[in-house]
């Protein structure tokens, strides 16, 4: 399995409940190995580790945008 990492910034005011919902939704997708916010230093930064042969980064971003339309992917 190949892995890729992506960081997605969400609006800083997205509440903790919605951040937890995002983590659970993404972790439930086939091809996503890990999805978690950096809770203390940057609570608006979502790090996702995934298999690019199974799921596309743009599809992950669209899932996040369902809760935060302004979410954006950050180059790494």
N, C-alpha and C. Protein backbone atom coordinates (compact mmCIF):
# COMPACT_ATOMS: atom_id res chain seq x y z
N UNK A 1 0.84 -1.18 0.00
CA UNK A 1 0.00 0.00 0.00
C UNK A 1 0.88 1.24 0.00
N UNK A 2 0.63 2.13 -0.92
CA UNK A 2 1.29 3.42 -0.93
C UNK A 2 0.58 4.34 0.04
N UNK A 3 1.30 5.28 0.61
CA UNK A 3 0.64 6.25 1.47
C UNK A 3 1.06 7.65 1.06
N UNK A 4 0.14 8.55 1.26
CA UNK A 4 0.39 9.96 1.02
C UNK A 4 -0.19 10.73 2.20
N UNK A 5 0.36 11.89 2.45
CA UNK A 5 -0.13 12.74 3.52
C UNK A 5 -0.66 14.02 2.90
N UNK A 6 -1.70 14.54 3.50
CA UNK A 6 -2.18 15.86 3.11
C UNK A 6 -2.64 16.59 4.34
N UNK A 7 -2.48 17.90 4.30
CA UNK A 7 -2.96 18.73 5.39
C UNK A 7 -4.06 19.61 4.84
N UNK A 8 -5.14 19.68 5.60
CA UNK A 8 -6.28 20.51 5.22
C UNK A 8 -6.52 21.50 6.33
N UNK A 9 -6.61 22.76 5.96
CA UNK A 9 -6.95 23.81 6.92
C UNK A 9 -8.45 24.04 6.87
N UNK A 10 -9.07 24.06 8.05
CA UNK A 10 -10.48 24.40 8.17
C UNK A 10 -10.57 25.74 8.88
N UNK A 11 -11.74 26.33 8.85
CA UNK A 11 -11.93 27.62 9.51
C UNK A 11 -11.62 27.45 10.99
N UNK A 12 -10.84 28.35 11.58
CA UNK A 12 -10.47 28.23 13.00
C UNK A 12 -11.66 28.18 13.95
N UNK A 13 -12.81 28.68 13.52
CA UNK A 13 -13.97 28.67 14.40
C UNK A 13 -14.83 27.41 14.26
N UNK A 14 -14.42 26.45 13.42
CA UNK A 14 -15.14 25.19 13.33
C UNK A 14 -15.06 24.52 14.70
N UNK A 15 -16.21 24.23 15.28
CA UNK A 15 -16.22 23.76 16.67
C UNK A 15 -15.67 22.34 16.82
N UNK A 16 -15.35 21.99 18.06
CA UNK A 16 -14.73 20.70 18.37
C UNK A 16 -15.62 19.53 17.96
N UNK A 17 -16.92 19.66 18.13
CA UNK A 17 -17.82 18.57 17.74
C UNK A 17 -17.72 18.30 16.24
N UNK A 18 -17.72 19.33 15.43
CA UNK A 18 -17.61 19.14 13.98
C UNK A 18 -16.23 18.62 13.58
N UNK A 19 -15.21 19.01 14.31
CA UNK A 19 -13.87 18.45 14.02
C UNK A 19 -13.85 16.95 14.30
N UNK A 20 -14.49 16.53 15.39
CA UNK A 20 -14.56 15.10 15.70
C UNK A 20 -15.38 14.35 14.64
N UNK A 21 -16.46 14.97 14.18
CA UNK A 21 -17.27 14.36 13.12
C UNK A 21 -16.42 14.14 11.87
N UNK A 22 -15.64 15.14 11.49
CA UNK A 22 -14.77 15.01 10.32
C UNK A 22 -13.78 13.87 10.49
N UNK A 23 -13.14 13.80 11.64
CA UNK A 23 -12.18 12.73 11.87
C UNK A 23 -12.85 11.36 11.71
N UNK A 24 -14.02 11.19 12.31
CA UNK A 24 -14.72 9.90 12.23
C UNK A 24 -15.16 9.58 10.81
N UNK A 25 -15.69 10.57 10.11
CA UNK A 25 -16.13 10.34 8.73
C UNK A 25 -14.98 9.91 7.84
N UNK A 26 -13.87 10.60 7.97
CA UNK A 26 -12.72 10.27 7.12
C UNK A 26 -12.13 8.92 7.49
N UNK A 27 -12.04 8.63 8.78
CA UNK A 27 -11.48 7.34 9.20
C UNK A 27 -12.35 6.17 8.75
N UNK A 28 -13.62 6.43 8.51
CA UNK A 28 -14.52 5.39 8.05
C UNK A 28 -14.44 5.10 6.56
N UNK A 29 -13.65 5.87 5.84
CA UNK A 29 -13.54 5.69 4.39
C UNK A 29 -12.43 4.69 4.06
N UNK A 30 -12.70 3.85 3.10
CA UNK A 30 -11.69 2.91 2.62
C UNK A 30 -10.56 3.72 1.99
N UNK A 31 -9.35 3.40 2.36
CA UNK A 31 -8.17 4.08 1.82
C UNK A 31 -7.61 5.14 2.75
N UNK A 32 -8.38 5.54 3.76
CA UNK A 32 -7.88 6.53 4.72
C UNK A 32 -7.33 5.78 5.92
N UNK A 33 -6.05 5.97 6.17
CA UNK A 33 -5.37 5.29 7.26
C UNK A 33 -5.50 6.06 8.57
N UNK A 34 -5.41 7.37 8.49
CA UNK A 34 -5.44 8.20 9.70
C UNK A 34 -5.93 9.60 9.33
N UNK A 35 -6.78 10.16 10.19
CA UNK A 35 -7.25 11.53 10.01
C UNK A 35 -7.39 12.14 11.39
N UNK A 36 -6.59 13.15 11.68
CA UNK A 36 -6.68 13.76 13.00
C UNK A 36 -6.25 15.22 12.96
N UNK A 37 -6.91 15.97 13.82
CA UNK A 37 -6.54 17.37 14.00
C UNK A 37 -5.39 17.47 14.98
N UNK A 38 -4.56 18.47 14.79
CA UNK A 38 -3.50 18.78 15.75
C UNK A 38 -4.17 19.65 16.81
N UNK A 39 -4.75 19.02 17.81
CA UNK A 39 -5.64 19.69 18.75
C UNK A 39 -5.03 20.86 19.50
N UNK A 40 -3.80 20.76 19.91
CA UNK A 40 -3.24 21.83 20.74
C UNK A 40 -2.56 22.94 19.94
N UNK A 41 -1.56 22.63 19.15
CA UNK A 41 -0.86 23.76 18.51
C UNK A 41 -1.68 24.42 17.40
N UNK A 42 -2.41 23.62 16.60
CA UNK A 42 -3.14 24.15 15.45
C UNK A 42 -4.47 23.42 15.31
N UNK A 43 -5.47 23.78 16.07
CA UNK A 43 -6.73 23.02 16.05
C UNK A 43 -7.47 23.08 14.71
N UNK A 44 -7.02 23.92 13.80
CA UNK A 44 -7.67 24.02 12.50
C UNK A 44 -6.92 23.25 11.41
N UNK A 45 -5.89 22.50 11.78
CA UNK A 45 -5.09 21.74 10.82
C UNK A 45 -5.44 20.25 10.91
N UNK A 46 -5.97 19.72 9.84
CA UNK A 46 -6.35 18.30 9.77
C UNK A 46 -5.30 17.56 8.94
N UNK A 47 -4.64 16.59 9.55
CA UNK A 47 -3.65 15.78 8.85
C UNK A 47 -4.31 14.46 8.46
N UNK A 48 -4.20 14.11 7.18
CA UNK A 48 -4.80 12.88 6.68
C UNK A 48 -3.72 12.04 6.00
N UNK A 49 -3.63 10.78 6.39
CA UNK A 49 -2.74 9.82 5.74
C UNK A 49 -3.66 8.86 4.98
N UNK A 50 -3.39 8.68 3.69
CA UNK A 50 -4.29 7.87 2.87
C UNK A 50 -3.54 7.14 1.77
N UNK A 51 -4.22 6.20 1.13
CA UNK A 51 -3.68 5.44 0.02
C UNK A 51 -4.19 6.08 -1.28
N UNK A 52 -3.32 6.76 -2.02
CA UNK A 52 -3.76 7.46 -3.24
C UNK A 52 -4.22 6.52 -4.36
N UNK A 53 -3.95 5.23 -4.22
CA UNK A 53 -4.44 4.28 -5.22
C UNK A 53 -5.89 3.89 -4.94
N UNK A 54 -6.35 4.19 -3.73
CA UNK A 54 -7.70 3.82 -3.31
C UNK A 54 -8.64 5.01 -3.28
N UNK A 55 -8.14 6.16 -2.84
CA UNK A 55 -8.96 7.36 -2.71
C UNK A 55 -8.13 8.57 -3.14
N UNK A 56 -8.77 9.51 -3.78
CA UNK A 56 -8.07 10.70 -4.27
C UNK A 56 -8.10 11.81 -3.23
N UNK A 57 -7.04 12.58 -3.17
CA UNK A 57 -6.96 13.71 -2.25
C UNK A 57 -8.10 14.70 -2.45
N UNK A 58 -8.48 14.93 -3.70
CA UNK A 58 -9.56 15.88 -3.97
C UNK A 58 -10.89 15.37 -3.42
N UNK A 59 -11.07 14.04 -3.38
CA UNK A 59 -12.30 13.48 -2.80
C UNK A 59 -12.31 13.67 -1.28
N UNK A 60 -11.16 13.54 -0.66
CA UNK A 60 -11.06 13.79 0.78
C UNK A 60 -11.39 15.25 1.07
N UNK A 61 -10.82 16.14 0.27
CA UNK A 61 -11.10 17.57 0.47
C UNK A 61 -12.58 17.87 0.32
N UNK A 62 -13.24 17.25 -0.63
CA UNK A 62 -14.68 17.48 -0.81
C UNK A 62 -15.48 17.00 0.39
N UNK A 63 -15.06 15.90 1.01
CA UNK A 63 -15.74 15.43 2.22
C UNK A 63 -15.62 16.47 3.34
N UNK A 64 -14.44 17.05 3.48
CA UNK A 64 -14.22 18.07 4.51
C UNK A 64 -15.06 19.30 4.20
N UNK A 65 -15.14 19.65 2.94
CA UNK A 65 -15.91 20.84 2.55
C UNK A 65 -17.41 20.68 2.78
N UNK A 66 -17.87 19.46 3.02
CA UNK A 66 -19.29 19.29 3.33
C UNK A 66 -19.63 19.95 4.67
N UNK A 67 -18.64 20.06 5.57
CA UNK A 67 -18.84 20.74 6.85
C UNK A 67 -18.23 22.13 6.88
N UNK A 68 -17.23 22.35 6.05
CA UNK A 68 -16.58 23.66 6.01
C UNK A 68 -16.26 24.00 4.55
N UNK A 69 -17.17 24.71 3.87
CA UNK A 69 -16.97 25.02 2.46
C UNK A 69 -15.68 25.78 2.15
N UNK A 70 -15.10 26.43 3.15
CA UNK A 70 -13.88 27.21 2.93
C UNK A 70 -12.60 26.39 3.17
N UNK A 71 -12.73 25.12 3.49
CA UNK A 71 -11.54 24.28 3.76
C UNK A 71 -10.62 24.28 2.54
N UNK A 72 -9.31 24.25 2.81
CA UNK A 72 -8.35 24.25 1.72
C UNK A 72 -7.21 23.30 2.00
N UNK A 73 -6.70 22.70 0.93
CA UNK A 73 -5.58 21.79 1.05
C UNK A 73 -4.29 22.59 1.05
N UNK A 74 -3.35 22.16 1.88
CA UNK A 74 -2.06 22.84 1.98
C UNK A 74 -1.01 21.94 1.36
N UNK A 75 -0.15 22.50 0.53
CA UNK A 75 0.93 21.73 -0.08
C UNK A 75 1.94 21.31 0.96
N UNK A 76 2.47 20.11 0.78
CA UNK A 76 3.46 19.61 1.75
C UNK A 76 4.73 19.24 1.00
